[in-house]
Amino acid sequence: MAVEGSEMAMKPTVVLYPMSGVGHLLPMVELAKLFLRHDFAVAVVLMQFPIKHPSLDSFISSVSAAHPSISFHQLPPPDDSFIASVSTTFPSIPMTFDGVRPNNHELLRFLAAHRRENDVRAVVLDFLCTVALDVVVAELDIPAYFFIATGASALASMLYFPSLELTDPGLGELADTPFHFPGLPPIPASDMPREVMDPASESCECFVNKIAPRLPDGDAFLINSFELLEAEAVKALREGACLPGRRMPKIYCIGPLITEGSRGKDETKAECMAWLDAQPRDSVVFLCFGSMGSFSVEQLKQIAVGLERSGQRFLWVVGIPKDPPTATSELDLDVLLPEGFLERTKQRGMVAKSWAPQVEVLNHGSVGCFVSHCGWNSTLEAISAGVAIVAWPLYAEQRMNKVFLVEQMKLAVVMEGYDREMVEADEVEAKVRWVMESEGGRELRRRAAAAKEMAAEAWSERGSSRQAWLDLVKTLKLKI
């Protein structure tokens, strides 16, 4: 942990308060780096949370080594019974809310002490940390900004969702009934986040009454997106259409915030990049489904069969399945995948266990297509690299991201069957062939290449994200 010195105490300071998930922490760290470039001291406060990704500590250590000016502070456990008191199943909305709330007392102690020695100008809260808002604003009267780690379209839906006034039957019984949000394409009920599909559920009640209504109480939204990518959603947000009857905080689209590079297993990284170097340009299908993406063994076999039949080159990241055949956590690809698959495809395919350097892979010239779970970080990484997406959403808001990518941005095609128990091998084969071989696929890839130019333009000298960032800096009274 960094020690604040007299030099740091003289600088304007921001405090960042991310969720503990890697997908939330990564873009928040990129935000911290932006503040550092404008002579801002940055403290990242890490809450205690019942679920902790195994790579979290190593990621923080690597960031601290590369950027010692970013000061990380771990809050102490609220009490001895904290972990036992909160469900440690897959993070649900109530579990997230109940996991953040016990940290409020320690957060208050930290902020009160920190601002006695530092010029704290603002606290940037993860958008799921609305329960910490009263600590920052009511108790300490510090400006509070919400960092939106997902896109402007997702924010528009979150803000407007309580206005839908859902009644039984819940979304789960409405199948493909479209829901209409300002600035967004119609979203089928089946593509809404499953946790809010039942208005009688604890998850829906928590989101509608405890999280979404508090978001407008922040001073501004810092969105990890850029205006040209989500122009209609940004317009709806700025005009207040997503918050009928309420004040709309200021919008700063400051994305895409992309990690500098993947930090992980150096040996795996070297193997992946060496293999890609040997492949023709735009020839490789890259399959990766995020840090929490998981399939059944049978689904892994269907993917393998589809890839083999397709005849396409591929780099496939295989994680631990939902139903491993043995209790060990060690991945045995020969057991998980069809007999002889690895040998038969070794001339045109590479299978990586659990991890690959995604940012570097997407930016490699041999990659022509990305089969993705549509997590927002992965989405922005693909867009910034100019790689077409095959959308295979798995959880959280990923199905909505699929709708935005396919219907509005025109940067993805759907892997049919994602919403059923099994995506068949025939669909895997057909979809990767379509992207890599057909005229429609070539047009999709041309649009992806154009989106890459737009992403770069956003942070050019006169780009929208750069101008939004400089406006934010000015608001916080920083010297540029």
Protein backbone atom coordinates (compact mmCIF):
# COMPACT_ATOMS: atom_id res chain seq x y z
CA MET A 1 0.00 0.00 0.00
CA ALA A 2 1.31 3.42 -0.94
CA VAL A 3 2.08 5.99 1.71
CA GLU A 4 0.81 9.50 1.18
CA GLY A 5 3.65 11.99 1.28
CA SER A 6 3.63 15.76 1.47
CA GLU A 7 3.88 16.02 -2.33
CA MET A 8 0.77 13.89 -2.82
CA ALA A 9 -1.07 15.81 -0.12
CA MET A 10 -0.68 19.00 -2.14
CA LYS A 11 -2.34 17.56 -5.21
CA PRO A 12 -6.05 17.50 -5.95
CA THR A 13 -7.22 13.97 -5.21
CA VAL A 14 -9.90 11.61 -6.46
CA VAL A 15 -10.96 8.47 -4.65
CA LEU A 16 -12.20 5.56 -6.76
CA TYR A 17 -14.49 2.94 -5.24
CA PRO A 18 -14.91 -0.03 -7.61
CA MET A 19 -16.75 -3.28 -7.21
CA SER A 20 -14.41 -6.18 -6.54
CA GLY A 21 -15.07 -7.95 -9.84
CA VAL A 22 -12.25 -7.88 -12.36
CA GLY A 23 -14.60 -6.60 -15.07
CA HIS A 24 -15.38 -3.57 -12.91
CA LEU A 25 -11.89 -2.99 -11.56
CA LEU A 26 -10.04 -3.05 -14.91
CA PRO A 27 -11.73 -0.01 -16.47
CA MET A 28 -11.63 1.83 -13.12
CA VAL A 29 -7.86 1.39 -13.08
CA GLU A 30 -7.70 2.84 -16.61
CA LEU A 31 -9.70 5.79 -15.27
CA ALA A 32 -7.14 6.18 -12.48
CA LYS A 33 -4.36 6.38 -15.08
CA LEU A 34 -6.20 9.20 -16.85
CA PHE A 35 -6.36 11.20 -13.63
CA LEU A 36 -2.66 10.64 -13.04
CA ARG A 37 -1.85 12.21 -16.41
CA HIS A 38 -3.44 15.43 -15.21
CA ASP A 39 -1.46 15.71 -12.00
CA PHE A 40 -4.15 14.21 -9.83
CA ALA A 41 -3.47 11.97 -6.85
CA VAL A 42 -5.55 8.80 -7.01
CA ALA A 43 -6.62 6.47 -4.22
CA VAL A 44 -8.43 3.24 -5.12
CA VAL A 45 -10.41 1.87 -2.19
CA LEU A 46 -11.05 -1.87 -2.24
CA MET A 47 -14.06 -3.12 -0.35
CA GLN A 48 -14.41 -6.43 1.39
CA PHE A 49 -16.69 -8.66 -0.66
CA PRO A 50 -17.84 -12.26 -0.16
CA ILE A 51 -16.72 -13.36 -3.64
CA LYS A 52 -13.19 -12.64 -4.81
CA HIS A 53 -11.83 -13.53 -8.22
CA PRO A 54 -8.60 -15.56 -7.90
CA SER A 55 -6.69 -13.18 -10.19
CA LEU A 56 -7.63 -10.02 -8.28
CA ASP A 57 -4.59 -9.87 -5.99
CA SER A 58 -2.13 -10.52 -8.79
CA PHE A 59 -3.79 -7.87 -10.95
CA ILE A 60 -3.54 -5.26 -8.18
CA SER A 61 0.08 -6.19 -7.54
CA SER A 62 0.94 -5.79 -11.22
CA VAL A 63 -0.79 -2.41 -11.43
CA SER A 64 0.95 -1.21 -8.27
CA ALA A 65 4.33 -2.24 -9.69
CA ALA A 66 3.71 -0.55 -13.04
CA HIS A 67 1.96 2.53 -11.64
CA PRO A 68 3.18 3.18 -8.08
CA SER A 69 1.38 6.55 -8.06
CA ILE A 70 -1.95 4.73 -7.86
CA SER A 71 -2.54 4.15 -4.16
CA PHE A 72 -4.58 1.05 -3.28
CA HIS A 73 -6.29 0.81 0.12
CA GLN A 74 -7.99 -2.36 1.35
CA LEU A 75 -10.85 -1.76 3.78
CA PRO A 76 -10.82 -4.03 6.84
CA PRO A 77 -13.62 -6.59 7.21
CA PRO A 78 -16.75 -4.99 8.68
CA ASP A 79 -16.94 -7.72 11.34
CA ASP A 80 -16.12 -11.39 11.84
CA SER A 81 -19.52 -12.56 10.66
CA PHE A 82 -19.49 -10.56 7.42
CA ILE A 83 -18.58 -13.34 5.00
CA ALA A 84 -20.92 -15.85 6.61
CA SER A 85 -23.82 -13.39 6.58
CA VAL A 86 -23.93 -12.94 2.80
CA SER A 87 -24.69 -15.63 0.24
CA THR A 88 -21.60 -16.52 -1.78
CA THR A 89 -23.45 -17.96 -4.76
CA PHE A 90 -23.18 -16.36 -8.20
CA PRO A 91 -23.50 -12.61 -7.51
CA SER A 92 -27.17 -11.64 -7.52
CA ILE A 93 -28.46 -8.08 -7.23
CA PRO A 94 -29.49 -8.46 -3.55
CA MET A 95 -26.21 -10.23 -2.78
CA THR A 96 -24.30 -7.37 -4.40
CA PHE A 97 -26.27 -4.76 -2.48
CA ASP A 98 -25.90 -6.62 0.81
CA GLY A 99 -22.22 -7.22 0.11
CA VAL A 100 -21.43 -3.53 -0.46
CA ARG A 101 -23.49 -2.06 2.38
CA PRO A 102 -21.52 -3.45 5.38
CA ASN A 103 -18.43 -1.64 4.06
CA ASN A 104 -20.02 1.79 4.51
CA HIS A 105 -18.71 2.35 8.02
CA GLU A 106 -15.10 1.59 7.09
CA LEU A 107 -15.43 3.62 3.89
CA LEU A 108 -16.61 6.59 5.95
CA ARG A 109 -13.63 6.22 8.30
CA PHE A 110 -11.21 6.04 5.40
CA LEU A 111 -12.62 9.05 3.55
CA ALA A 112 -12.81 11.18 6.68
CA ALA A 113 -9.16 10.44 7.47
CA HIS A 114 -7.97 10.70 3.87
CA ARG A 115 -9.37 14.14 3.23
CA ARG A 116 -7.71 15.53 6.36
CA GLU A 117 -4.38 15.12 4.56
CA ASN A 118 -5.48 15.28 0.91
CA ASP A 119 -7.48 17.68 -1.22
CA VAL A 120 -10.28 15.25 -2.11
CA ARG A 121 -12.28 16.74 -4.98
CA ALA A 122 -14.57 13.81 -5.75
CA VAL A 123 -15.34 10.17 -5.11
CA VAL A 124 -16.05 8.00 -8.15
CA LEU A 125 -18.37 5.14 -7.26
CA ASP A 126 -19.02 2.00 -9.26
CA PHE A 127 -22.61 2.14 -10.52
CA LEU A 128 -23.50 -0.84 -8.33
CA CYS A 129 -22.37 1.02 -5.20
CA THR A 130 -25.37 3.30 -4.83
CA VAL A 131 -25.66 2.20 -1.19
CA ALA A 132 -22.40 4.07 -0.51
CA LEU A 133 -23.79 7.36 -1.83
CA ASP A 134 -25.00 8.63 1.54
CA VAL A 135 -21.56 8.07 3.05
CA VAL A 136 -19.95 10.27 0.43
CA VAL A 137 -22.60 12.96 -0.01
CA ALA A 138 -24.71 13.14 3.15
CA GLU A 139 -22.00 12.36 5.70
CA LEU A 140 -19.00 14.08 4.10
CA ASP A 141 -20.47 16.42 1.45
CA ILE A 142 -17.99 15.26 -1.21
CA PRO A 143 -19.10 15.31 -4.88
CA ALA A 144 -19.94 11.78 -6.01
CA TYR A 145 -19.72 10.58 -9.59
CA PHE A 146 -20.92 7.20 -10.85
CA PHE A 147 -18.61 5.29 -13.16
CA ILE A 148 -20.59 3.26 -15.68
CA ALA A 149 -18.41 0.28 -16.56
CA THR A 150 -20.95 -0.77 -19.17
CA GLY A 151 -22.29 1.38 -22.01
CA ALA A 152 -24.60 4.36 -22.40
CA SER A 153 -27.36 2.08 -23.72
CA ALA A 154 -27.25 -0.04 -20.58
CA LEU A 155 -27.34 3.09 -18.43
CA ALA A 156 -30.37 4.38 -20.34
CA SER A 157 -32.19 1.12 -19.69
CA MET A 158 -31.24 1.11 -15.99
CA LEU A 159 -32.51 4.64 -15.44
CA TYR A 160 -35.76 4.10 -17.31
CA PHE A 161 -36.52 0.61 -15.99
CA PRO A 162 -38.40 1.75 -12.85
CA SER A 163 -40.75 3.74 -15.12
CA LEU A 164 -41.98 0.53 -16.77
CA GLU A 165 -44.21 -0.18 -13.75
CA LEU A 166 -44.09 -3.92 -14.28
CA THR A 167 -46.96 -6.06 -13.10
CA ASP A 168 -47.63 -9.78 -13.30
CA PRO A 169 -47.04 -11.60 -15.52
CA GLY A 170 -43.36 -10.90 -15.15
CA LEU A 171 -40.91 -10.54 -17.97
CA GLY A 172 -40.18 -14.23 -17.80
CA GLU A 173 -43.70 -14.99 -19.07
CA LEU A 174 -43.68 -12.38 -21.83
CA ALA A 175 -41.20 -14.22 -24.08
CA ASP A 176 -40.45 -12.02 -27.09
CA THR A 177 -42.68 -9.09 -26.14
CA PRO A 178 -40.56 -6.03 -26.95
CA PHE A 179 -39.80 -3.44 -24.29
CA HIS A 180 -39.18 0.11 -25.40
CA PHE A 181 -36.59 2.38 -23.84
CA PRO A 182 -35.69 5.91 -24.97
CA GLY A 183 -32.80 5.86 -27.43
CA LEU A 184 -32.63 2.06 -27.67
CA PRO A 185 -33.88 -0.55 -30.13
CA PRO A 186 -36.79 -2.67 -28.90
CA ILE A 187 -35.50 -5.27 -26.42
CA PRO A 188 -37.33 -8.61 -26.24
CA ALA A 189 -38.30 -9.59 -22.72
CA SER A 190 -36.19 -12.72 -23.10
CA ASP A 191 -33.09 -10.54 -23.57
CA MET A 192 -33.60 -8.53 -20.41
CA PRO A 193 -31.37 -9.47 -17.43
CA ARG A 194 -32.96 -12.54 -15.89
CA GLU A 195 -32.77 -11.20 -12.35
CA VAL A 196 -35.24 -8.42 -13.10
CA MET A 197 -37.65 -10.55 -15.10
CA ASP A 198 -39.96 -11.23 -12.16
CA PRO A 199 -41.40 -8.10 -10.51
CA ALA A 200 -42.21 -10.13 -7.41
CA SER A 201 -38.60 -11.25 -6.94
CA GLU A 202 -36.16 -9.88 -4.39
CA SER A 203 -33.72 -9.04 -7.17
CA CYS A 204 -36.22 -6.95 -9.08
CA GLU A 205 -37.38 -5.19 -5.92
CA CYS A 206 -33.80 -4.39 -4.93
CA PHE A 207 -32.88 -3.02 -8.35
CA VAL A 208 -36.06 -0.99 -8.88
CA ASN A 209 -36.28 0.45 -5.36
CA LYS A 210 -32.71 0.57 -4.02
CA ILE A 211 -30.24 0.84 -6.91
CA ALA A 212 -31.76 2.43 -10.02
CA PRO A 213 -33.51 5.33 -8.19
CA ARG A 214 -30.26 6.37 -6.49
CA LEU A 215 -28.18 6.65 -9.67
CA PRO A 216 -29.53 10.13 -10.57
CA ASP A 217 -28.50 11.38 -7.11
CA GLY A 218 -24.88 11.42 -8.21
CA ASP A 219 -23.31 14.58 -9.63
CA ALA A 220 -22.44 13.04 -13.00
CA PHE A 221 -22.05 9.82 -14.95
CA LEU A 222 -18.66 8.83 -16.32
CA ILE A 223 -19.43 6.32 -19.09
CA ASN A 224 -16.96 3.91 -20.60
CA SER A 225 -18.16 4.50 -24.15
CA PHE A 226 -17.92 7.06 -26.93
CA GLU A 227 -20.64 9.15 -28.52
CA LEU A 228 -20.48 7.90 -32.10
CA LEU A 229 -20.91 4.32 -30.90
CA GLU A 230 -24.11 5.01 -28.93
CA ALA A 231 -25.33 8.33 -30.30
CA GLU A 232 -29.06 7.68 -29.82
CA ALA A 233 -28.68 6.47 -26.25
CA VAL A 234 -26.42 9.40 -25.35
CA LYS A 235 -28.96 11.83 -26.86
CA ALA A 236 -31.79 10.27 -24.86
CA LEU A 237 -29.74 10.50 -21.68
CA ARG A 238 -28.77 14.13 -22.21
CA GLU A 239 -32.33 15.13 -23.00
CA GLY A 240 -33.59 13.49 -19.80
CA ALA A 241 -35.89 11.10 -21.65
CA CYS A 242 -34.70 8.22 -19.46
CA LEU A 243 -35.60 10.04 -16.25
CA PRO A 244 -39.09 11.51 -16.67
CA GLY A 245 -39.73 14.06 -13.92
CA ARG A 246 -36.22 13.91 -12.46
CA ARG A 247 -32.95 15.82 -12.80
CA MET A 248 -30.50 14.22 -15.20
CA PRO A 249 -26.88 14.34 -14.02
CA LYS A 250 -24.26 15.46 -16.48
CA ILE A 251 -22.97 12.86 -18.94
CA TYR A 252 -19.29 12.36 -19.71
CA CYS A 253 -18.59 9.70 -22.36
CA ILE A 254 -14.88 9.10 -21.85
CA GLY A 255 -14.36 5.70 -23.45
CA PRO A 256 -13.18 3.45 -24.75
CA LEU A 257 -11.01 2.80 -21.69
CA ILE A 258 -9.01 -0.26 -22.72
CA THR A 259 -6.40 -1.97 -20.59
CA GLU A 260 -2.83 -1.49 -21.83
CA GLY A 261 -2.36 -5.22 -22.21
CA SER A 262 -3.31 -8.54 -20.69
CA ARG A 263 -1.50 -9.43 -17.50
CA GLY A 264 -1.32 -13.14 -16.86
CA LYS A 265 0.70 -16.20 -17.66
CA ASP A 266 3.75 -15.07 -19.63
CA GLU A 267 4.31 -18.55 -21.08
CA THR A 268 0.73 -18.79 -22.36
CA LYS A 269 0.97 -15.27 -23.75
CA ALA A 270 4.14 -16.09 -25.66
CA GLU A 271 2.64 -19.31 -27.03
CA CYS A 272 -0.54 -17.58 -28.21
CA MET A 273 1.28 -14.74 -29.93
CA ALA A 274 3.82 -17.07 -31.57
CA TRP A 275 1.00 -19.23 -32.92
CA LEU A 276 -0.88 -16.19 -34.25
CA ASP A 277 2.28 -14.92 -35.93
CA ALA A 278 2.27 -18.06 -38.07
CA GLN A 279 -1.32 -17.59 -39.32
CA PRO A 280 -2.49 -15.67 -42.41
CA ARG A 281 -4.05 -12.25 -41.98
CA ASP A 282 -7.73 -12.12 -40.92
CA SER A 283 -7.92 -15.93 -40.82
CA VAL A 284 -8.41 -16.83 -37.15
CA VAL A 285 -11.64 -17.20 -35.18
CA PHE A 286 -10.98 -16.25 -31.54
CA LEU A 287 -13.34 -17.70 -28.93
CA CYS A 288 -13.24 -16.38 -25.36
CA PHE A 289 -16.06 -15.93 -22.86
CA GLY A 290 -14.77 -13.81 -20.00
CA SER A 291 -13.52 -14.52 -16.51
CA MET A 292 -16.88 -15.94 -15.35
CA GLY A 293 -18.09 -17.62 -18.54
CA SER A 294 -18.64 -21.34 -18.18
CA PHE A 295 -20.23 -24.09 -20.31
CA SER A 296 -21.30 -27.67 -19.76
CA VAL A 297 -19.03 -30.44 -20.99
CA GLU A 298 -21.56 -31.29 -23.70
CA GLN A 299 -21.59 -27.68 -24.90
CA LEU A 300 -17.78 -27.70 -25.11
CA LYS A 301 -18.01 -30.83 -27.27
CA GLN A 302 -20.55 -29.16 -29.57
CA ILE A 303 -18.26 -26.15 -29.99
CA ALA A 304 -15.34 -28.44 -30.80
CA VAL A 305 -17.31 -30.38 -33.40
CA GLY A 306 -18.54 -27.16 -35.01
CA LEU A 307 -15.05 -25.68 -35.18
CA GLU A 308 -13.60 -28.83 -36.66
CA ARG A 309 -16.30 -29.06 -39.34
CA SER A 310 -15.96 -25.37 -40.22
CA GLY A 311 -12.42 -25.80 -41.48
CA GLN A 312 -11.53 -22.39 -39.98
CA ARG A 313 -8.39 -21.56 -38.03
CA PHE A 314 -9.20 -20.91 -34.37
CA LEU A 315 -7.80 -19.88 -31.02
CA TRP A 316 -10.18 -21.11 -28.33
CA VAL A 317 -9.97 -20.35 -24.61
CA VAL A 318 -11.57 -23.24 -22.70
CA GLY A 319 -12.47 -22.71 -19.07
CA ILE A 320 -13.49 -25.09 -16.31
CA PRO A 321 -16.92 -26.49 -17.22
CA LYS A 322 -20.03 -26.20 -15.09
CA ASP A 323 -20.13 -29.96 -14.71
CA PRO A 324 -16.50 -31.14 -14.60
CA PRO A 325 -16.16 -34.93 -14.95
CA THR A 326 -13.83 -35.04 -11.93
CA ALA A 327 -13.51 -33.02 -8.72
CA THR A 328 -10.12 -31.66 -9.69
CA SER A 329 -9.92 -28.08 -10.95
CA GLU A 330 -7.14 -28.99 -13.38
CA LEU A 331 -8.34 -28.83 -16.98
CA ASP A 332 -7.80 -32.05 -18.92
CA LEU A 333 -8.60 -31.08 -22.51
CA ASP A 334 -8.28 -34.67 -23.74
CA VAL A 335 -11.14 -35.62 -21.41
CA LEU A 336 -13.33 -32.56 -22.01
CA LEU A 337 -13.09 -32.42 -25.80
CA PRO A 338 -14.01 -35.08 -28.40
CA GLU A 339 -11.55 -37.92 -28.74
CA GLY A 340 -8.78 -37.01 -31.15
CA PHE A 341 -9.97 -33.39 -31.60
CA LEU A 342 -6.71 -31.78 -30.51
CA GLU A 343 -4.63 -34.03 -32.77
CA ARG A 344 -6.89 -33.60 -35.80
CA THR A 345 -6.99 -29.79 -35.55
CA LYS A 346 -3.45 -29.08 -34.38
CA GLN A 347 -2.40 -27.69 -37.77
CA ARG A 348 -5.06 -24.97 -37.74
CA GLY A 349 -6.19 -24.60 -34.15
CA MET A 350 -4.90 -23.74 -30.70
CA VAL A 351 -6.73 -24.40 -27.44
CA ALA A 352 -5.69 -22.39 -24.37
CA LYS A 353 -6.61 -23.35 -20.84
CA SER A 354 -8.70 -20.73 -18.99
CA TRP A 355 -6.83 -17.63 -20.19
CA ALA A 356 -5.32 -15.89 -23.19
CA PRO A 357 -3.95 -12.34 -23.60
CA GLN A 358 -7.23 -11.06 -25.04
CA VAL A 359 -6.23 -7.47 -25.82
CA GLU A 360 -3.11 -8.56 -27.69
CA VAL A 361 -4.95 -11.37 -29.47
CA LEU A 362 -7.73 -9.08 -30.71
CA ASN A 363 -5.17 -6.60 -32.01
CA HIS A 364 -3.20 -9.24 -33.88
CA GLY A 365 -3.55 -9.01 -37.65
CA SER A 366 -4.39 -12.69 -38.05
CA VAL A 367 -7.63 -12.45 -36.04
CA GLY A 368 -10.75 -11.95 -38.17
CA CYS A 369 -13.62 -12.81 -35.85
CA PHE A 370 -14.39 -12.87 -32.12
CA VAL A 371 -16.94 -15.26 -30.60
CA SER A 372 -17.75 -13.42 -27.37
CA HIS A 373 -20.06 -13.37 -24.35
CA CYS A 374 -20.64 -9.63 -25.01
CA GLY A 375 -19.28 -8.39 -21.70
CA TRP A 376 -18.73 -4.66 -22.13
CA ASN A 377 -14.96 -4.71 -21.61
CA SER A 378 -14.59 -7.44 -24.23
CA THR A 379 -16.97 -5.57 -26.54
CA LEU A 380 -14.94 -2.37 -26.37
CA GLU A 381 -11.71 -4.29 -26.85
CA ALA A 382 -13.09 -5.89 -30.01
CA ILE A 383 -14.45 -2.60 -31.35
CA SER A 384 -11.16 -0.82 -30.66
CA ALA A 385 -9.32 -3.61 -32.48
CA GLY A 386 -11.72 -3.59 -35.44
CA VAL A 387 -12.79 -7.23 -35.02
CA ALA A 388 -16.29 -8.47 -35.93
CA ILE A 389 -18.23 -10.15 -33.13
CA VAL A 390 -20.30 -13.33 -32.99
CA ALA A 391 -22.56 -12.66 -30.02
CA TRP A 392 -23.03 -15.50 -27.52
CA PRO A 393 -24.30 -13.75 -24.37
CA LEU A 394 -24.30 -15.68 -21.11
CA TYR A 395 -25.40 -13.62 -18.07
CA ALA A 396 -26.07 -10.19 -16.53
CA GLU A 397 -26.65 -7.46 -19.14
CA GLN A 398 -24.89 -9.37 -21.92
CA ARG A 399 -28.11 -10.25 -23.75
CA MET A 400 -28.98 -6.56 -23.90
CA ASN A 401 -25.49 -5.79 -25.17
CA LYS A 402 -26.15 -8.36 -27.88
CA VAL A 403 -29.24 -6.43 -28.95
CA PHE A 404 -27.31 -3.15 -29.09
CA LEU A 405 -24.44 -4.72 -31.04
CA VAL A 406 -26.64 -6.49 -33.57
CA GLU A 407 -29.62 -4.17 -34.01
CA GLN A 408 -28.16 -0.71 -33.43
CA MET A 409 -24.39 -0.77 -33.91
CA LYS A 410 -24.46 -3.45 -36.65
CA LEU A 411 -21.14 -4.84 -35.40
CA ALA A 412 -22.19 -8.38 -34.48
CA VAL A 413 -24.15 -11.40 -35.61
CA VAL A 414 -25.97 -13.74 -33.23
CA MET A 415 -24.96 -17.28 -32.39
CA GLU A 416 -28.45 -18.76 -32.57
CA GLY A 417 -29.39 -20.96 -29.64
CA TYR A 418 -27.64 -18.82 -27.01
CA ASP A 419 -31.02 -18.52 -25.28
CA ARG A 420 -31.63 -22.27 -25.21
CA GLU A 421 -29.91 -25.07 -23.35
CA MET A 422 -27.51 -25.89 -26.17
CA VAL A 423 -25.93 -24.22 -29.17
CA GLU A 424 -25.59 -27.04 -31.67
CA ALA A 425 -22.40 -27.85 -33.57
CA ASP A 426 -24.17 -27.11 -36.86
CA GLU A 427 -24.79 -23.52 -35.75
CA VAL A 428 -21.20 -23.01 -34.58
CA GLU A 429 -19.96 -24.30 -37.95
CA ALA A 430 -22.43 -22.25 -39.98
CA LYS A 431 -21.90 -18.98 -38.11
CA VAL A 432 -18.11 -18.92 -38.17
CA ARG A 433 -18.17 -19.92 -41.85
CA TRP A 434 -20.60 -17.07 -42.58
CA VAL A 435 -18.43 -14.46 -40.88
CA MET A 436 -15.19 -15.67 -42.42
CA GLU A 437 -16.33 -16.68 -45.92
CA SER A 438 -19.56 -14.95 -47.00
CA GLU A 439 -20.10 -11.51 -48.49
CA GLY A 440 -22.33 -10.69 -45.50
CA GLY A 441 -19.49 -11.62 -43.19
CA ARG A 442 -17.05 -9.50 -45.16
CA GLU A 443 -19.43 -6.53 -44.86
CA LEU A 444 -19.67 -7.10 -41.10
CA ARG A 445 -15.89 -7.05 -40.88
CA ARG A 446 -15.74 -3.85 -42.94
CA ARG A 447 -18.11 -2.19 -40.46
CA ALA A 448 -15.94 -3.44 -37.59
CA ALA A 449 -12.87 -1.86 -39.23
CA ALA A 450 -14.76 1.44 -39.57
CA ALA A 451 -15.76 1.28 -35.88
CA LYS A 452 -12.09 0.95 -34.97
CA GLU A 453 -11.43 4.27 -36.68
CA MET A 454 -14.33 5.87 -34.78
CA ALA A 455 -12.97 4.56 -31.48
CA ALA A 456 -9.56 6.03 -32.22
CA GLU A 457 -11.13 9.32 -33.32
CA ALA A 458 -12.94 9.62 -29.97
CA TRP A 459 -9.60 10.16 -28.20
CA SER A 460 -7.94 12.23 -30.92
CA GLU A 461 -7.11 15.86 -30.22
CA ARG A 462 -10.62 17.10 -31.03
CA GLY A 463 -12.42 13.83 -30.37
CA SER A 464 -15.59 13.64 -28.29
CA SER A 465 -14.15 11.53 -25.47
CA ARG A 466 -11.06 13.70 -25.14
CA GLN A 467 -13.17 16.85 -25.04
CA ALA A 468 -15.51 15.29 -22.47
CA TRP A 469 -12.51 14.31 -20.37
CA LEU A 470 -11.01 17.82 -20.52
CA ASP A 471 -14.40 19.23 -19.53
CA LEU A 472 -14.44 16.91 -16.52
CA VAL A 473 -10.90 17.93 -15.61
CA LYS A 474 -11.90 21.57 -15.81
CA THR A 475 -14.96 20.92 -13.65
CA LEU A 476 -12.73 19.38 -11.01
CA LYS A 477 -10.48 22.48 -11.23
CA LEU A 478 -7.42 20.66 -12.40
CA LYS A 479 -4.46 22.28 -14.10
CA ILE A 480 -4.05 20.81 -17.56
